[in-house]
Amino acid sequence: MPNSLPAEFTLYTIDEIADILKVTQRTIYNYIKSGDLTAIKIGKYWRVKHTDLAQFLATGTNLKTQVL
């Protein structure tokens, strides 16, 4: 059965987001905690909407680089 839902209804797990971004799960949790990546908790599991992932990819993190 093909997925007929629009992209904005697609939910990703923390594992899937970590694989997509090539970072660890801990890094994803840190992005969520800092507010850089919007996520929702369903039961005991975190999920990230496709639109929130797209926004995160467009804006990046709030990490500041320090010029020495």
Foldseek 3Di string as FASTA:
>chain_A
DDDPDDQQPDKDFLVVLCVVVVHDSVVVVVCCVVVLAPWDQDPNTIIGGSVSSVVSVVPPGPDDDDDD
